[in-house]
Amino acid sequence: MSAKGGLREQIRVSLVENMGLKILSLCCAVALYAFTHGPATAQRTFSVSVLSIMPPDAARRQLITQLPTEVGITLIGPRAQLDELHSDDIGPLQLDLKSGQDKIDLDEKMFHIPPGVSVQQIFPPSIKVKWDDVITKAIPVQVPSTGEPPAGYAVRGVVTSDPIEVQARGPRSVVDVIQVARAAPFDITGLGQGVHTVKLPLDRPPSLVTYDVDQVTAAVDIRRQLVTKTFSRLKVEAIGLPRATTRPSTVTVVVTGTAEDVNAIAPDALVPRVEPRTAGDDLGKPGNDNLPVLVDVPRGITVQVDPAKVVVTW
């Protein structure tokens, strides 16, 4: 056999040898190509946005659970059709919550599903919701202070606000536990004597709650700082009756004013006295009376005497 004839024989043998296996391999290849490039069935999962239709304000119902912003839906159908499908073609999913129901079951009728495609799974299959009654409640305003006034001055009373209360509106479970509506601190650093006012914002209310105002007018009264000083065992004088006696014979005098004014008072400048004649007593014959003790002090000083009255005998 010539060399040329031998080559032909080798080619023929390679073509016909294991012919059944070669035909099977060819069929598998054709089937695989048809599966990957042809109109075979496939499945695909899409994320669909959620839109909620809430109850009207008149219903006074508040949703207190967090609704999902998206749900998942798995579709099955022709591969080519699914490849051209987008989430916007299916949704958005509209949840009608106007009736205030506690559970919403999801089904394929809520989605826009094109013909030839079916729903295999929706996740989650249902959405549970929780509601609360909406109430309105008056909440007192609290205005804290920060800083200090100049030396010798102090805040008189407390920082006040206008209005003194705000109306909080929201779910009962949240509103009922609010104690105060807190305002920003009032900085009193360096404020002199007088009433000072400033508008202050309120802290943001809790989630799902609103206030009827977002700021208040705060006022603070700055006055000279007062001190007290006590003078004990001061002898009581009976004016116009040098030989009269009093019971008790001495009293305690407490003066209140600014530190400067109070420290300027000397003990001998305080003379407790009673005035029988001014009280209308008849001093022409022996007698007695229970009379108030009088003490003169400088202007701006207040005085308290203990005891306030003594028995005078003449």
C-alpha atoms as a PDB file:
ATOM      1  CA  MET A   1       0.000   0.000   0.000  1.00  0.00           C
ATOM      2  CA  SER A   2       1.274   3.389  -0.905  1.00  0.00           C
ATOM      3  CA  ALA A   3       1.849   6.089   1.662  1.00  0.00           C
ATOM      4  CA  LYS A   4      -1.086   8.047   0.258  1.00  0.00           C
ATOM      5  CA  GLY A   5      -3.394   5.036   0.652  1.00  0.00           C
ATOM      6  CA  GLY A   6      -2.275   4.527   4.275  1.00  0.00           C
ATOM      7  CA  LEU A   7      -3.174   8.130   5.192  1.00  0.00           C
ATOM      8  CA  ARG A   8      -6.667   7.690   3.742  1.00  0.00           C
ATOM      9  CA  GLU A   9      -7.185   4.549   5.823  1.00  0.00           C
ATOM     10  CA  GLN A  10      -6.145   6.317   9.022  1.00  0.00           C
ATOM     11  CA  ILE A  11      -8.593   9.167   8.363  1.00  0.00           C
ATOM     12  CA  ARG A  12     -11.437   6.769   7.681  1.00  0.00           C
ATOM     13  CA  VAL A  13     -10.767   4.786  10.860  1.00  0.00           C
ATOM     14  CA  SER A  14     -10.684   7.947  12.983  1.00  0.00           C
ATOM     15  CA  LEU A  15     -14.054   9.026  11.595  1.00  0.00           C
ATOM     16  CA  VAL A  16     -15.942   5.764  12.006  1.00  0.00           C
ATOM     17  CA  GLU A  17     -14.316   4.452  15.204  1.00  0.00           C
ATOM     18  CA  ASN A  18     -16.671   4.785  18.270  1.00  0.00           C
ATOM     19  CA  MET A  19     -19.298   6.310  16.052  1.00  0.00           C
ATOM     20  CA  GLY A  20     -22.083   5.941  18.667  1.00  0.00           C
ATOM     21  CA  LEU A  21     -20.118   7.845  21.304  1.00  0.00           C
ATOM     22  CA  LYS A  22     -19.295  10.591  18.814  1.00  0.00           C
ATOM     23  CA  ILE A  23     -22.983  10.986  17.865  1.00  0.00           C
ATOM     24  CA  LEU A  24     -23.991  11.168  21.575  1.00  0.00           C
ATOM     25  CA  SER A  25     -21.394  13.861  22.253  1.00  0.00           C
ATOM     26  CA  LEU A  26     -22.631  15.862  19.288  1.00  0.00           C
ATOM     27  CA  CYS A  27     -26.240  15.665  20.504  1.00  0.00           C
ATOM     28  CA  CYS A  28     -25.222  16.838  24.000  1.00  0.00           C
ATOM     29  CA  ALA A  29     -23.362  19.792  22.544  1.00  0.00           C
ATOM     30  CA  VAL A  30     -26.353  20.781  20.428  1.00  0.00           C
ATOM     31  CA  ALA A  31     -28.683  20.460  23.450  1.00  0.00           C
ATOM     32  CA  LEU A  32     -26.386  22.562  25.639  1.00  0.00           C
ATOM     33  CA  TYR A  33     -26.212  25.280  23.017  1.00  0.00           C
ATOM     34  CA  ALA A  34     -29.991  25.259  22.690  1.00  0.00           C
ATOM     35  CA  PHE A  35     -30.386  25.492  26.466  1.00  0.00           C
ATOM     36  CA  THR A  36     -28.061  28.459  26.843  1.00  0.00           C
ATOM     37  CA  HIS A  37     -29.091  30.334  23.709  1.00  0.00           C
ATOM     38  CA  GLY A  38     -32.614  29.230  23.102  1.00  0.00           C
ATOM     39  CA  PRO A  39     -36.015  30.071  24.684  1.00  0.00           C
ATOM     40  CA  ALA A  40     -35.538  27.795  27.748  1.00  0.00           C
ATOM     41  CA  THR A  41     -37.378  28.370  31.069  1.00  0.00           C
ATOM     42  CA  ALA A  42     -35.482  30.337  33.736  1.00  0.00           C
ATOM     43  CA  GLN A  43     -36.134  32.070  37.078  1.00  0.00           C
ATOM     44  CA  ARG A  44     -35.056  35.446  38.377  1.00  0.00           C
ATOM     45  CA  THR A  45     -35.564  37.455  41.610  1.00  0.00           C
ATOM     46  CA  PHE A  46     -36.441  41.169  41.548  1.00  0.00           C
ATOM     47  CA  SER A  47     -36.491  43.818  44.283  1.00  0.00           C
ATOM     48  CA  VAL A  48     -39.674  45.879  44.134  1.00  0.00           C
ATOM     49  CA  SER A  49     -40.128  49.189  45.968  1.00  0.00           C
ATOM     50  CA  VAL A  50     -42.996  49.628  48.439  1.00  0.00           C
ATOM     51  CA  LEU A  51     -45.424  52.582  48.575  1.00  0.00           C
ATOM     52  CA  SER A  52     -47.818  52.930  51.526  1.00  0.00           C
ATOM     53  CA  ILE A  53     -51.259  54.561  51.541  1.00  0.00           C
ATOM     54  CA  MET A  54     -51.815  55.686  55.152  1.00  0.00           C
ATOM     55  CA  PRO A  55     -55.104  56.311  57.022  1.00  0.00           C
ATOM     56  CA  PRO A  56     -56.413  59.912  56.983  1.00  0.00           C
ATOM     57  CA  ASP A  57     -55.516  62.249  59.877  1.00  0.00           C
ATOM     58  CA  ALA A  58     -59.096  62.082  61.096  1.00  0.00           C
ATOM     59  CA  ALA A  59     -58.600  58.405  61.935  1.00  0.00           C
ATOM     60  CA  ARG A  60     -56.021  59.435  64.603  1.00  0.00           C
ATOM     61  CA  ARG A  61     -54.009  56.265  64.032  1.00  0.00           C
ATOM     62  CA  GLN A  62     -50.216  56.128  63.946  1.00  0.00           C
ATOM     63  CA  LEU A  63     -48.126  53.349  62.424  1.00  0.00           C
ATOM     64  CA  ILE A  64     -45.329  52.540  64.886  1.00  0.00           C
ATOM     65  CA  THR A  65     -43.639  49.661  63.052  1.00  0.00           C
ATOM     66  CA  GLN A  66     -41.061  50.160  60.320  1.00  0.00           C
ATOM     67  CA  LEU A  67     -42.386  49.095  56.942  1.00  0.00           C
ATOM     68  CA  PRO A  68     -39.988  47.482  54.451  1.00  0.00           C
ATOM     69  CA  THR A  69     -38.863  49.743  51.624  1.00  0.00           C
ATOM     70  CA  GLU A  70     -38.576  46.778  49.246  1.00  0.00           C
ATOM     71  CA  VAL A  71     -39.904  43.248  48.838  1.00  0.00           C
ATOM     72  CA  GLY A  72     -38.455  40.395  46.809  1.00  0.00           C
ATOM     73  CA  ILE A  73     -40.358  38.508  44.120  1.00  0.00           C
ATOM     74  CA  THR A  74     -39.071  35.491  42.213  1.00  0.00           C
ATOM     75  CA  LEU A  75     -40.484  34.959  38.712  1.00  0.00           C
ATOM     76  CA  ILE A  76     -40.251  31.978  36.405  1.00  0.00           C
ATOM     77  CA  GLY A  77     -40.630  32.124  32.641  1.00  0.00           C
ATOM     78  CA  PRO A  78     -38.786  32.281  29.308  1.00  0.00           C
ATOM     79  CA  ARG A  79     -35.182  33.350  29.787  1.00  0.00           C
ATOM     80  CA  ALA A  80     -35.280  35.938  27.033  1.00  0.00           C
ATOM     81  CA  GLN A  81     -38.388  37.545  28.512  1.00  0.00           C
ATOM     82  CA  LEU A  82     -36.934  37.638  32.028  1.00  0.00           C
ATOM     83  CA  ASP A  83     -33.681  39.125  30.744  1.00  0.00           C
ATOM     84  CA  GLU A  84     -35.610  42.092  29.371  1.00  0.00           C
ATOM     85  CA  LEU A  85     -37.719  42.566  32.525  1.00  0.00           C
ATOM     86  CA  HIS A  86     -36.859  45.236  35.134  1.00  0.00           C
ATOM     87  CA  SER A  87     -38.094  45.942  38.679  1.00  0.00           C
ATOM     88  CA  ASP A  88     -39.898  49.072  37.500  1.00  0.00           C
ATOM     89  CA  ASP A  89     -41.930  46.920  35.119  1.00  0.00           C
ATOM     90  CA  ILE A  90     -43.276  44.890  38.077  1.00  0.00           C
ATOM     91  CA  GLY A  91     -43.896  47.548  40.740  1.00  0.00           C
ATOM     92  CA  PRO A  92     -44.025  49.546  42.837  1.00  0.00           C
ATOM     93  CA  LEU A  93     -46.034  47.557  45.365  1.00  0.00           C
ATOM     94  CA  GLN A  94     -48.813  49.708  46.844  1.00  0.00           C
ATOM     95  CA  LEU A  95     -49.855  48.818  50.415  1.00  0.00           C
ATOM     96  CA  ASP A  96     -53.329  50.117  51.241  1.00  0.00           C
ATOM     97  CA  LEU A  97     -53.267  50.748  54.995  1.00  0.00           C
ATOM     98  CA  LYS A  98     -56.295  53.053  55.181  1.00  0.00           C
ATOM     99  CA  SER A  99     -58.323  50.503  57.118  1.00  0.00           C
ATOM    100  CA  GLY A 100     -55.609  50.124  59.780  1.00  0.00           C
ATOM    101  CA  GLN A 101     -55.335  46.359  59.471  1.00  0.00           C
ATOM    102  CA  ASP A 102     -52.640  44.494  61.429  1.00  0.00           C
ATOM    103  CA  LYS A 103     -51.474  42.118  58.669  1.00  0.00           C
ATOM    104  CA  ILE A 104     -51.212  42.324  54.897  1.00  0.00           C
ATOM    105  CA  ASP A 105     -50.839  39.145  52.842  1.00  0.00           C
ATOM    106  CA  LEU A 106     -48.942  39.655  49.592  1.00  0.00           C
ATOM    107  CA  ASP A 107     -50.047  37.907  46.412  1.00  0.00           C
ATOM    108  CA  GLU A 108     -49.209  38.125  42.725  1.00  0.00           C
ATOM    109  CA  LYS A 109     -52.281  40.271  41.999  1.00  0.00           C
ATOM    110  CA  MET A 110     -50.512  43.163  43.718  1.00  0.00           C
ATOM    111  CA  PHE A 111     -47.755  43.127  41.099  1.00  0.00           C
ATOM    112  CA  HIS A 112     -47.739  43.838  37.378  1.00  0.00           C
ATOM    113  CA  ILE A 113     -46.704  40.444  36.020  1.00  0.00           C
ATOM    114  CA  PRO A 114     -46.415  40.180  32.192  1.00  0.00           C
ATOM    115  CA  PRO A 115     -48.120  37.273  30.370  1.00  0.00           C
ATOM    116  CA  GLY A 116     -46.021  34.139  30.086  1.00  0.00           C
ATOM    117  CA  VAL A 117     -44.343  34.745  33.450  1.00  0.00           C
ATOM    118  CA  SER A 118     -45.551  33.396  36.793  1.00  0.00           C
ATOM    119  CA  VAL A 119     -44.696  34.100  40.426  1.00  0.00           C
ATOM    120  CA  GLN A 120     -42.701  31.426  42.181  1.00  0.00           C
ATOM    121  CA  GLN A 121     -42.116  33.193  45.534  1.00  0.00           C
ATOM    122  CA  ILE A 122     -42.750  36.504  47.338  1.00  0.00           C
ATOM    123  CA  PHE A 123     -40.563  37.478  50.263  1.00  0.00           C
ATOM    124  CA  PRO A 124     -41.817  38.272  52.784  1.00  0.00           C
ATOM    125  CA  PRO A 125     -45.154  36.595  52.055  1.00  0.00           C
ATOM    126  CA  SER A 126     -46.934  38.942  54.488  1.00  0.00           C
ATOM    127  CA  ILE A 127     -46.252  42.190  56.369  1.00  0.00           C
ATOM    128  CA  LYS A 128     -47.309  42.674  60.001  1.00  0.00           C
ATOM    129  CA  VAL A 129     -47.984  46.215  61.205  1.00  0.00           C
ATOM    130  CA  LYS A 130     -48.645  47.747  64.634  1.00  0.00           C
ATOM    131  CA  TRP A 131     -50.771  50.821  65.286  1.00  0.00           C
ATOM    132  CA  ASP A 132     -51.290  53.214  68.189  1.00  0.00           C
ATOM    133  CA  ASP A 133     -53.858  55.895  68.980  1.00  0.00           C
ATOM    134  CA  VAL A 134     -52.768  59.471  68.251  1.00  0.00           C
ATOM    135  CA  ILE A 135     -53.227  61.831  71.233  1.00  0.00           C
ATOM    136  CA  THR A 136     -52.420  65.451  72.074  1.00  0.00           C
ATOM    137  CA  LYS A 137     -51.024  66.273  75.515  1.00  0.00           C
ATOM    138  CA  ALA A 138     -49.728  69.425  77.237  1.00  0.00           C
ATOM    139  CA  ILE A 139     -46.042  69.075  78.158  1.00  0.00           C
ATOM    140  CA  PRO A 140     -44.296  71.591  80.490  1.00  0.00           C
ATOM    141  CA  VAL A 141     -41.318  73.466  79.069  1.00  0.00           C
ATOM    142  CA  GLN A 142     -37.992  73.299  80.901  1.00  0.00           C
ATOM    143  CA  VAL A 143     -35.327  75.928  80.283  1.00  0.00           C
ATOM    144  CA  PRO A 144     -31.924  75.135  81.844  1.00  0.00           C
ATOM    145  CA  SER A 145     -29.333  77.842  82.419  1.00  0.00           C
ATOM    146  CA  THR A 146     -25.618  77.920  81.884  1.00  0.00           C
ATOM    147  CA  GLY A 147     -22.891  80.306  83.015  1.00  0.00           C
ATOM    148  CA  GLU A 148     -22.851  82.709  85.962  1.00  0.00           C
ATOM    149  CA  PRO A 149     -23.882  86.348  86.396  1.00  0.00           C
ATOM    150  CA  PRO A 150     -21.270  88.892  87.566  1.00  0.00           C
ATOM    151  CA  ALA A 151     -20.017  88.754  91.154  1.00  0.00           C
ATOM    152  CA  GLY A 152     -22.602  90.073  93.585  1.00  0.00           C
ATOM    153  CA  TYR A 153     -25.558  89.128  91.369  1.00  0.00           C
ATOM    154  CA  ALA A 154     -27.799  86.065  91.346  1.00  0.00           C
ATOM    155  CA  VAL A 155     -30.780  84.621  89.463  1.00  0.00           C
ATOM    156  CA  ARG A 156     -34.048  85.417  91.173  1.00  0.00           C
ATOM    157  CA  GLY A 157     -36.323  82.406  91.073  1.00  0.00           C
ATOM    158  CA  VAL A 158     -36.029  80.192  87.987  1.00  0.00           C
ATOM    159  CA  VAL A 159     -35.791  80.751  84.253  1.00  0.00           C
ATOM    160  CA  THR A 160     -39.336  81.030  82.894  1.00  0.00           C
ATOM    161  CA  SER A 161     -40.709  80.422  79.405  1.00  0.00           C
ATOM    162  CA  ASP A 162     -43.531  81.659  77.219  1.00  0.00           C
ATOM    163  CA  PRO A 163     -45.430  79.481  76.538  1.00  0.00           C
ATOM    164  CA  ILE A 164     -45.005  77.449  79.706  1.00  0.00           C
ATOM    165  CA  GLU A 165     -46.364  74.333  77.939  1.00  0.00           C
ATOM    166  CA  VAL A 166     -46.315  72.883  74.439  1.00  0.00           C
ATOM    167  CA  GLN A 167     -48.863  70.580  72.828  1.00  0.00           C
ATOM    168  CA  ALA A 168     -47.258  67.248  71.932  1.00  0.00           C
ATOM    169  CA  ARG A 169     -49.041  65.156  69.286  1.00  0.00           C
ATOM    170  CA  GLY A 170     -48.168  61.559  68.491  1.00  0.00           C
ATOM    171  CA  PRO A 171     -48.732  57.910  69.439  1.00  0.00           C
ATOM    172  CA  ARG A 172     -50.013  57.445  72.983  1.00  0.00           C
ATOM    173  CA  SER A 173     -47.235  55.006  73.931  1.00  0.00           C
ATOM    174  CA  VAL A 174     -44.625  57.687  73.176  1.00  0.00           C
ATOM    175  CA  VAL A 175     -46.397  60.891  74.262  1.00  0.00           C
ATOM    176  CA  ASP A 176     -47.419  59.491  77.655  1.00  0.00           C
ATOM    177  CA  VAL A 177     -43.785  59.032  78.737  1.00  0.00           C
ATOM    178  CA  ILE A 178     -42.601  62.543  77.788  1.00  0.00           C
ATOM    179  CA  GLN A 179     -41.931  64.464  81.020  1.00  0.00           C
ATOM    180  CA  VAL A 180     -40.721  67.854  79.734  1.00  0.00           C
ATOM    181  CA  ALA A 181     -40.046  69.681  76.490  1.00  0.00           C
ATOM    182  CA  ARG A 182     -36.490  70.858  76.981  1.00  0.00           C
ATOM    183  CA  ALA A 183     -35.226  74.104  75.481  1.00  0.00           C
ATOM    184  CA  ALA A 184     -31.658  75.070  74.659  1.00  0.00           C
ATOM    185  CA  PRO A 185     -29.762  76.440  77.711  1.00  0.00           C
ATOM    186  CA  PHE A 186     -30.079  80.131  78.578  1.00  0.00           C
ATOM    187  CA  ASP A 187     -26.550  81.560  78.854  1.00  0.00           C
ATOM    188  CA  ILE A 188     -26.606  84.093  81.725  1.00  0.00           C
ATOM    189  CA  THR A 189     -22.884  84.788  81.661  1.00  0.00           C
ATOM    190  CA  GLY A 190     -22.236  88.463  82.425  1.00  0.00           C
ATOM    191  CA  LEU A 191     -25.901  89.519  82.597  1.00  0.00           C
ATOM    192  CA  GLY A 192     -26.463  92.497  84.916  1.00  0.00           C
ATOM    193  CA  GLN A 193     -29.487  93.444  86.987  1.00  0.00           C
ATOM    194  CA  GLY A 194     -32.859  93.290  85.282  1.00  0.00           C
ATOM    195  CA  VAL A 195     -35.132  90.930  83.362  1.00  0.00           C
ATOM    196  CA  HIS A 196     -33.506  89.465  80.243  1.00  0.00           C
ATOM    197  CA  THR A 197     -35.375  87.593  77.489  1.00  0.00           C
ATOM    198  CA  VAL A 198     -34.234  85.506  74.537  1.00  0.00           C
ATOM    199  CA  LYS A 199     -35.837  83.106  72.042  1.00  0.00           C
ATOM    200  CA  LEU A 200     -34.582  79.550  72.431  1.00  0.00           C
ATOM    201  CA  PRO A 201     -35.237  76.492  70.219  1.00  0.00           C
ATOM    202  CA  LEU A 202     -36.779  73.374  71.703  1.00  0.00           C
ATOM    203  CA  ASP A 203     -34.973  70.071  71.517  1.00  0.00           C
ATOM    204  CA  ARG A 204     -36.301  67.812  68.787  1.00  0.00           C
ATOM    205  CA  PRO A 205     -39.234  65.729  70.068  1.00  0.00           C
ATOM    206  CA  PRO A 206     -39.094  61.915  70.064  1.00  0.00           C
ATOM    207  CA  SER A 207     -39.667  60.046  66.825  1.00  0.00           C
ATOM    208  CA  LEU A 208     -43.288  60.185  65.549  1.00  0.00           C
ATOM    209  CA  VAL A 209     -44.084  63.146  67.889  1.00  0.00           C
ATOM    210  CA  THR A 210     -44.540  66.815  66.939  1.00  0.00           C
ATOM    211  CA  TYR A 211     -44.786  69.988  69.059  1.00  0.00           C
ATOM    212  CA  ASP A 212     -47.112  72.848  68.185  1.00  0.00           C
ATOM    213  CA  VAL A 213     -44.159  75.293  68.500  1.00  0.00           C
ATOM    214  CA  ASP A 214     -40.440  74.856  67.876  1.00  0.00           C
ATOM    215  CA  GLN A 215     -39.159  77.683  70.090  1.00  0.00           C
ATOM    216  CA  VAL A 216     -40.049  79.576  73.272  1.00  0.00           C
ATOM    217  CA  THR A 217     -39.270  82.981  74.765  1.00  0.00           C
ATOM    218  CA  ALA A 218     -37.226  82.486  77.931  1.00  0.00           C
ATOM    219  CA  ALA A 219     -36.859  85.111  80.662  1.00  0.00           C
ATOM    220  CA  VAL A 220     -34.455  85.402  83.587  1.00  0.00           C
ATOM    221  CA  ASP A 221     -34.480  87.954  86.421  1.00  0.00           C
ATOM    222  CA  ILE A 222     -30.997  88.976  87.610  1.00  0.00           C
ATOM    223  CA  ARG A 223     -30.802  90.771  90.958  1.00  0.00           C
ATOM    224  CA  ARG A 224     -28.141  91.871  93.377  1.00  0.00           C
ATOM    225  CA  GLN A 225     -27.219  88.918  95.549  1.00  0.00           C
ATOM    226  CA  LEU A 226     -28.689  89.227  99.046  1.00  0.00           C
ATOM    227  CA  VAL A 227     -27.080  88.222 102.310  1.00  0.00           C
ATOM    228  CA  THR A 228     -28.367  88.125 105.858  1.00  0.00           C
ATOM    229  CA  LYS A 229     -26.750  89.184 109.098  1.00  0.00           C
ATOM    230  CA  THR A 230     -27.949  88.470 112.630  1.00  0.00           C
ATOM    231  CA  PHE A 231     -27.602  90.815 115.624  1.00  0.00           C
ATOM    232  CA  SER A 232     -28.386  89.054 118.891  1.00  0.00           C
ATOM    233  CA  ARG A 233     -29.366  90.292 122.379  1.00  0.00           C
ATOM    234  CA  LEU A 234     -30.159  93.882 121.440  1.00  0.00           C
ATOM    235  CA  LYS A 235     -31.819  95.765 124.313  1.00  0.00           C
ATOM    236  CA  VAL A 236     -35.334  97.065 123.715  1.00  0.00           C
ATOM    237  CA  GLU A 237     -35.910 100.751 124.515  1.00  0.00           C
ATOM    238  CA  ALA A 238     -39.287 102.113 125.645  1.00  0.00           C
ATOM    239  CA  ILE A 239     -39.574 105.537 124.048  1.00  0.00           C
ATOM    240  CA  GLY A 240     -40.835 108.256 126.479  1.00  0.00           C
ATOM    241  CA  LEU A 241     -40.665 105.900 129.468  1.00  0.00           C
ATOM    242  CA  PRO A 242     -37.078 105.699 130.699  1.00  0.00           C
ATOM    243  CA  ARG A 243     -38.065 103.600 133.738  1.00  0.00           C
ATOM    244  CA  ALA A 244     -40.287 101.151 131.869  1.00  0.00           C
ATOM    245  CA  THR A 245     -39.306  97.500 131.492  1.00  0.00           C
ATOM    246  CA  THR A 246     -39.905  95.015 128.710  1.00  0.00           C
ATOM    247  CA  ARG A 247     -40.340  91.267 128.761  1.00  0.00           C
ATOM    248  CA  PRO A 248     -38.145  89.970 127.228  1.00  0.00           C
ATOM    249  CA  SER A 249     -35.660  92.744 127.592  1.00  0.00           C
ATOM    250  CA  THR A 250     -33.642  91.861 124.473  1.00  0.00           C
ATOM    251  CA  VAL A 251     -34.482  90.718 120.948  1.00  0.00           C
ATOM    252  CA  THR A 252     -32.682  89.274 117.915  1.00  0.00           C
ATOM    253  CA  VAL A 253     -32.617  91.379 114.761  1.00  0.00           C
ATOM    254  CA  VAL A 254     -31.957  89.808 111.314  1.00  0.00           C
ATOM    255  CA  VAL A 255     -31.269  92.160 108.400  1.00  0.00           C
ATOM    256  CA  THR A 256     -31.246  91.177 104.696  1.00  0.00           C
ATOM    257  CA  GLY A 257     -29.810  93.103 101.758  1.00  0.00           C
ATOM    258  CA  THR A 258     -26.823  93.352  99.477  1.00  0.00           C
ATOM    259  CA  ALA A 259     -23.492  92.420 100.989  1.00  0.00           C
ATOM    260  CA  GLU A 260     -22.334  96.006 100.665  1.00  0.00           C
ATOM    261  CA  ASP A 261     -25.343  97.440 102.500  1.00  0.00           C
ATOM    262  CA  VAL A 262     -25.527  94.776 105.189  1.00  0.00           C
ATOM    263  CA  ASN A 263     -21.825  94.965 106.063  1.00  0.00           C
ATOM    264  CA  ALA A 264     -22.148  98.721 106.491  1.00  0.00           C
ATOM    265  CA  ILE A 265     -24.563  98.330 109.418  1.00  0.00           C
ATOM    266  CA  ALA A 266     -22.912  98.666 112.822  1.00  0.00           C
ATOM    267  CA  PRO A 267     -24.502  96.889 115.803  1.00  0.00           C
ATOM    268  CA  ASP A 268     -24.944 100.127 117.758  1.00  0.00           C
ATOM    269  CA  ALA A 269     -26.862 101.622 114.833  1.00  0.00           C
ATOM    270  CA  LEU A 270     -29.705  99.182 115.437  1.00  0.00           C
ATOM    271  CA  VAL A 271     -31.933 100.295 118.299  1.00  0.00           C
ATOM    272  CA  PRO A 272     -35.009  98.103 118.877  1.00  0.00           C
ATOM    273  CA  ARG A 273     -37.825 100.164 120.455  1.00  0.00           C
ATOM    274  CA  VAL A 274     -41.434 100.212 121.484  1.00  0.00           C
ATOM    275  CA  GLU A 275     -43.652 103.348 121.451  1.00  0.00           C
ATOM    276  CA  PRO A 276     -46.489 103.162 123.988  1.00  0.00           C
ATOM    277  CA  ARG A 277     -47.566 106.754 123.369  1.00  0.00           C
ATOM    278  CA  THR A 278     -47.862 106.203 119.617  1.00  0.00           C
ATOM    279  CA  ALA A 279     -49.913 103.074 120.358  1.00  0.00           C
ATOM    280  CA  GLY A 280     -52.414 105.257 122.289  1.00  0.00           C
ATOM    281  CA  ASP A 281     -51.600 104.011 125.773  1.00  0.00           C
ATOM    282  CA  ASP A 282     -52.395 106.235 128.833  1.00  0.00           C
ATOM    283  CA  LEU A 283     -48.991 106.861 130.356  1.00  0.00           C
ATOM    284  CA  GLY A 284     -50.410 108.950 133.212  1.00  0.00           C
ATOM    285  CA  LYS A 285     -50.983 105.868 135.362  1.00  0.00           C
ATOM    286  CA  PRO A 286     -49.256 102.521 135.732  1.00  0.00           C
ATOM    287  CA  GLY A 287     -50.005  99.983 133.051  1.00  0.00           C
ATOM    288  CA  ASN A 288     -48.694  97.512 130.488  1.00  0.00           C
ATOM    289  CA  ASP A 289     -49.184  96.615 126.831  1.00  0.00           C
ATOM    290  CA  ASN A 290     -48.010  94.061 124.248  1.00  0.00           C
ATOM    291  CA  LEU A 291     -46.349  96.217 121.597  1.00  0.00           C
ATOM    292  CA  PRO A 292     -44.474  95.567 118.306  1.00  0.00           C
ATOM    293  CA  VAL A 293     -40.722  96.073 118.291  1.00  0.00           C
ATOM    294  CA  LEU A 294     -39.609  98.695 115.784  1.00  0.00           C
ATOM    295  CA  VAL A 295     -36.146  98.913 114.170  1.00  0.00           C
ATOM    296  CA  ASP A 296     -34.999 101.544 111.656  1.00  0.00           C
ATOM    297  CA  VAL A 297     -32.717 100.278 108.866  1.00  0.00           C
ATOM    298  CA  PRO A 298     -31.307 101.907 105.703  1.00  0.00           C
ATOM    299  CA  ARG A 299     -33.378 101.866 102.540  1.00  0.00           C
ATOM    300  CA  GLY A 300     -33.111  98.615 100.596  1.00  0.00           C
ATOM    301  CA  ILE A 301     -32.647  96.575 103.793  1.00  0.00           C
ATOM    302  CA  THR A 302     -35.350  94.305 105.164  1.00  0.00           C
ATOM    303  CA  VAL A 303     -35.501  93.514 108.874  1.00  0.00           C
ATOM    304  CA  GLN A 304     -36.976  90.736 110.986  1.00  0.00           C
ATOM    305  CA  VAL A 305     -37.271  90.922 114.800  1.00  0.00           C
ATOM    306  CA  ASP A 306     -37.572  87.915 117.113  1.00  0.00           C
ATOM    307  CA  PRO A 307     -39.804  88.127 119.046  1.00  0.00           C
ATOM    308  CA  ALA A 308     -41.814  90.578 117.019  1.00  0.00           C
ATOM    309  CA  LYS A 309     -43.637  91.896 120.137  1.00  0.00           C
ATOM    310  CA  VAL A 310     -42.717  92.411 123.806  1.00  0.00           C
ATOM    311  CA  VAL A 311     -44.730  93.199 126.952  1.00  0.00           C
ATOM    312  CA  VAL A 312     -44.025  96.770 128.196  1.00  0.00           C
ATOM    313  CA  THR A 313     -44.698  97.659 131.860  1.00  0.00           C
ATOM    314  CA  TRP A 314     -44.627 101.179 133.246  1.00  0.00           C
END
